[in-house]
Amino acid sequence: MARNLKPKCKQCRRIGESVCGTEKCAVIRRNYPPGQHGNARRRRLTEYGLQLREKQKAKILYGILEKQFRNYYLKSSNKSGNTGDILLNTLEKRFDNVVYRAGLGSTRRQARQLVTHAHFLVNGKPCNVPSRDMKAGDVIELKESSQKSRYFLELPANIKMHEAPGWIDVDKEKFILKIVADPTNADVEQGIAVNLIVEYYSR
């Protein structure tokens, strides 16, 4: 499985905002791009630069590489409706993002690791594919062999105050998630100007 192994906080500094999900992101301490000229006067971004930055930000947020992200866009553009809304809706329904939204992972990276380490069953069957598209009616549950691990034994206290979105029903004690609906526009990542991404790929 292809992964982005570049330093996460370095990517945040390039984007100009924290997108790695960690509380101690380097962009908070050094809010300028990496490199020896990073602290020099910044040039104003062109229209293309703004579009590119927004696309890169979405890729980093959801932990997706270029080829896969472009395929998501192409599939979204072939469906009827608003391409940007469909794209974000598709990204939100990824298996790893559902685990993150439910509060079982503190970051998307951690949620992805939990998925790839095969801690969960989907509709009663093992699944370790982070990109799996979850649909209404799908049920995700923790494997019996994983319930005794230290991480999941301590998790109930950590997610007690976590508020999952309305399209995911979460049993916080048994770690059972059920997709009850598709995410709405209010449920998706709000920090992404998806219209700029659509413009980027529509060039």
Protein backbone atom coordinates (compact mmCIF):
# COMPACT_ATOMS: atom_id res chain seq x y z
CA MET A 1 0.00 0.00 0.00
CA ALA A 2 1.39 3.38 -1.03
CA ARG A 3 1.95 5.87 1.78
CA ASN A 4 3.09 9.45 2.09
CA LEU A 5 6.20 9.26 4.27
CA LYS A 6 7.11 12.94 4.10
CA PRO A 7 7.40 14.80 7.44
CA LYS A 8 3.82 15.74 8.37
CA CYS A 9 4.50 19.08 10.03
CA LYS A 10 6.73 20.10 7.14
CA GLN A 11 3.73 19.67 4.87
CA CYS A 12 1.64 21.77 7.25
CA ARG A 13 4.18 24.58 7.03
CA ARG A 14 4.11 24.37 3.24
CA ILE A 15 0.30 24.63 3.24
CA GLY A 16 0.31 27.37 5.87
CA GLU A 17 -1.99 25.71 8.39
CA SER A 18 -2.11 22.61 10.58
CA VAL A 19 -3.47 19.64 8.63
CA CYS A 20 -1.65 16.77 10.35
CA GLY A 21 -4.11 16.52 13.25
CA THR A 22 -1.51 16.80 16.01
CA GLU A 23 -1.85 19.35 18.81
CA LYS A 24 1.84 20.30 18.78
CA CYS A 25 2.10 20.98 15.07
CA ALA A 26 5.28 22.83 14.01
CA VAL A 27 3.24 25.40 12.06
CA ILE A 28 2.18 26.87 15.41
CA ARG A 29 5.81 27.58 16.31
CA ARG A 30 7.07 28.42 12.80
CA ASN A 31 4.27 29.80 10.66
CA TYR A 32 6.37 30.10 7.53
CA PRO A 33 7.30 27.60 4.77
CA PRO A 34 10.19 25.15 5.32
CA GLY A 35 13.58 25.67 3.70
CA GLN A 36 16.35 28.24 3.99
CA HIS A 37 14.25 30.93 2.30
CA GLY A 38 11.03 30.05 4.10
CA ASN A 39 11.14 33.05 6.41
CA ALA A 40 11.66 35.50 3.55
CA ARG A 41 8.88 37.71 2.23
CA ARG A 42 6.10 35.59 0.79
CA ARG A 43 4.87 36.05 -2.72
CA ARG A 44 1.18 36.40 -3.34
CA LEU A 45 -0.27 33.15 -4.67
CA THR A 46 -1.68 33.06 -8.19
CA GLU A 47 -5.12 31.63 -8.90
CA TYR A 48 -3.47 28.36 -9.88
CA GLY A 49 -1.38 28.42 -6.70
CA LEU A 50 -4.51 28.77 -4.57
CA GLN A 51 -6.17 25.86 -6.37
CA LEU A 52 -3.08 23.68 -6.02
CA ARG A 53 -2.70 24.47 -2.33
CA GLU A 54 -6.33 23.56 -1.62
CA LYS A 55 -5.95 20.27 -3.47
CA GLN A 56 -2.78 19.46 -1.56
CA LYS A 57 -4.46 20.35 1.73
CA ALA A 58 -7.35 17.95 1.08
CA LYS A 59 -4.93 15.17 0.12
CA ILE A 60 -2.92 15.61 3.31
CA LEU A 61 -6.01 15.86 5.54
CA TYR A 62 -7.44 12.58 4.28
CA GLY A 63 -4.06 10.87 3.80
CA ILE A 64 -4.47 10.21 0.08
CA LEU A 65 -1.90 10.25 -2.72
CA GLU A 66 -2.38 12.05 -6.04
CA LYS A 67 -3.46 9.15 -8.25
CA GLN A 68 -6.14 7.99 -5.83
CA PHE A 69 -7.34 11.53 -5.17
CA ARG A 70 -7.64 12.23 -8.89
CA ASN A 71 -9.63 9.01 -9.33
CA TYR A 72 -12.00 10.17 -6.58
CA TYR A 73 -12.49 13.42 -8.46
CA LEU A 74 -13.09 11.71 -11.82
CA LYS A 75 -15.68 9.36 -10.32
CA SER A 76 -17.39 12.29 -8.58
CA SER A 77 -17.47 14.34 -11.79
CA ASN A 78 -19.21 11.49 -13.63
CA LYS A 79 -22.10 11.45 -11.16
CA SER A 80 -25.10 13.74 -11.33
CA GLY A 81 -25.04 16.57 -8.81
CA ASN A 82 -22.48 18.99 -7.43
CA THR A 83 -19.03 17.49 -8.07
CA GLY A 84 -17.43 19.15 -5.05
CA ASP A 85 -20.12 17.97 -2.64
CA ILE A 86 -19.96 14.43 -4.02
CA LEU A 87 -16.16 14.42 -3.70
CA LEU A 88 -16.16 15.44 -0.04
CA ASN A 89 -19.03 13.05 0.68
CA THR A 90 -16.99 10.20 -0.83
CA LEU A 91 -13.91 11.10 1.19
CA GLU A 92 -15.92 11.22 4.40
CA LYS A 93 -17.27 7.71 3.84
CA ARG A 94 -13.82 6.12 3.66
CA PHE A 95 -13.42 3.36 6.25
CA ASP A 96 -10.50 5.06 8.02
CA ASN A 97 -12.33 8.41 8.16
CA VAL A 98 -15.43 6.77 9.66
CA VAL A 99 -13.27 5.29 12.43
CA TYR A 100 -11.76 8.75 13.00
CA ARG A 101 -15.12 10.54 13.00
CA ALA A 102 -16.49 8.02 15.50
CA GLY A 103 -13.67 8.91 17.90
CA LEU A 104 -11.84 5.57 17.85
CA GLY A 105 -8.74 7.32 16.54
CA SER A 106 -7.47 10.70 17.70
CA THR A 107 -6.20 11.51 14.19
CA ARG A 108 -6.93 10.15 10.72
CA ARG A 109 -3.43 8.68 10.63
CA GLN A 110 -4.08 6.74 13.81
CA ALA A 111 -7.50 5.61 12.55
CA ARG A 112 -5.89 4.40 9.33
CA GLN A 113 -3.34 2.42 11.34
CA LEU A 114 -6.10 0.79 13.40
CA VAL A 115 -7.83 -0.25 10.18
CA THR A 116 -4.71 -1.60 8.46
CA HIS A 117 -3.83 -3.60 11.59
CA ALA A 118 -7.16 -5.43 11.10
CA HIS A 119 -8.81 -4.51 14.40
CA PHE A 120 -12.30 -4.29 12.88
CA LEU A 121 -15.00 -6.34 11.22
CA VAL A 122 -17.30 -4.83 8.58
CA ASN A 123 -20.68 -6.55 8.41
CA GLY A 124 -19.17 -9.48 10.29
CA LYS A 125 -16.15 -9.95 8.01
CA PRO A 126 -12.52 -8.84 8.56
CA CYS A 127 -11.50 -5.76 6.58
CA ASN A 128 -8.20 -3.85 6.61
CA VAL A 129 -8.75 -1.60 3.59
CA PRO A 130 -8.78 2.08 4.68
CA SER A 131 -10.28 3.27 1.39
CA ARG A 132 -13.34 1.02 1.58
CA ASP A 133 -16.47 3.02 0.79
CA MET A 134 -18.93 2.68 3.65
CA LYS A 135 -22.65 2.74 2.91
CA ALA A 136 -25.81 3.26 4.92
CA GLY A 137 -26.55 0.06 6.84
CA ASP A 138 -22.91 -1.03 7.17
CA VAL A 139 -21.86 -2.11 10.67
CA ILE A 140 -18.29 -1.84 11.97
CA GLU A 141 -17.36 -3.69 15.14
CA LEU A 142 -14.18 -4.34 17.06
CA LYS A 143 -12.74 -7.84 16.73
CA GLU A 144 -12.99 -9.94 19.86
CA SER A 145 -9.22 -10.48 19.86
CA SER A 146 -8.65 -6.71 19.90
CA GLN A 147 -10.98 -5.93 22.78
CA LYS A 148 -8.35 -6.84 25.38
CA SER A 149 -5.64 -4.62 23.95
CA ARG A 150 -4.49 -1.78 26.18
CA TYR A 151 -5.50 0.88 23.67
CA PHE A 152 -9.14 -0.23 23.46
CA LEU A 153 -9.39 -0.91 27.20
CA GLU A 154 -8.48 2.75 27.84
CA LEU A 155 -10.53 4.15 24.97
CA PRO A 156 -13.99 4.42 26.63
CA ALA A 157 -12.70 7.13 28.97
CA ASN A 158 -11.15 9.02 26.07
CA ILE A 159 -14.18 9.03 23.77
CA LYS A 160 -16.80 9.65 26.44
CA MET A 161 -17.04 13.33 25.51
CA HIS A 162 -16.53 12.82 21.79
CA GLU A 163 -19.52 13.83 19.67
CA ALA A 164 -19.77 11.71 16.53
CA PRO A 165 -21.63 13.13 13.50
CA GLY A 166 -25.29 12.21 13.13
CA TRP A 167 -24.72 9.86 10.21
CA ILE A 168 -22.72 7.45 12.42
CA ASP A 169 -24.37 5.66 15.34
CA VAL A 170 -21.69 4.81 17.94
CA ASP A 171 -21.84 2.36 20.83
CA LYS A 172 -19.01 3.80 22.91
CA GLU A 173 -18.77 0.79 25.23
CA LYS A 174 -18.89 -2.07 22.72
CA PHE A 175 -17.20 -0.08 19.89
CA ILE A 176 -19.91 -0.85 17.37
CA LEU A 177 -20.46 1.72 14.61
CA LYS A 178 -23.41 1.78 12.25
CA ILE A 179 -23.70 4.00 9.19
CA VAL A 180 -27.26 5.29 9.37
CA ALA A 181 -27.16 7.79 6.46
CA ASP A 182 -24.89 9.60 4.04
CA PRO A 183 -23.01 12.59 5.48
CA THR A 184 -24.58 15.96 4.74
CA ASN A 185 -22.72 19.09 3.62
CA ALA A 186 -22.62 20.17 7.27
CA ASP A 187 -20.90 16.92 8.28
CA VAL A 188 -17.91 17.04 5.91
CA GLU A 189 -14.56 18.75 6.48
CA GLN A 190 -15.38 22.47 6.61
CA GLY A 191 -11.86 23.80 6.12
CA ILE A 192 -11.66 22.79 2.46
CA ALA A 193 -12.64 25.18 -0.36
CA VAL A 194 -13.73 22.33 -2.61
CA ASN A 195 -14.66 24.70 -5.45
CA LEU A 196 -10.94 25.46 -5.88
CA ILE A 197 -10.22 21.73 -6.20
CA VAL A 198 -12.89 21.36 -8.88
CA GLU A 199 -11.42 24.36 -10.72
CA TYR A 200 -7.94 22.82 -10.49
CA TYR A 201 -8.98 19.55 -12.14
CA SER A 202 -11.25 21.31 -14.64
CA ARG A 203 -8.39 23.25 -16.22
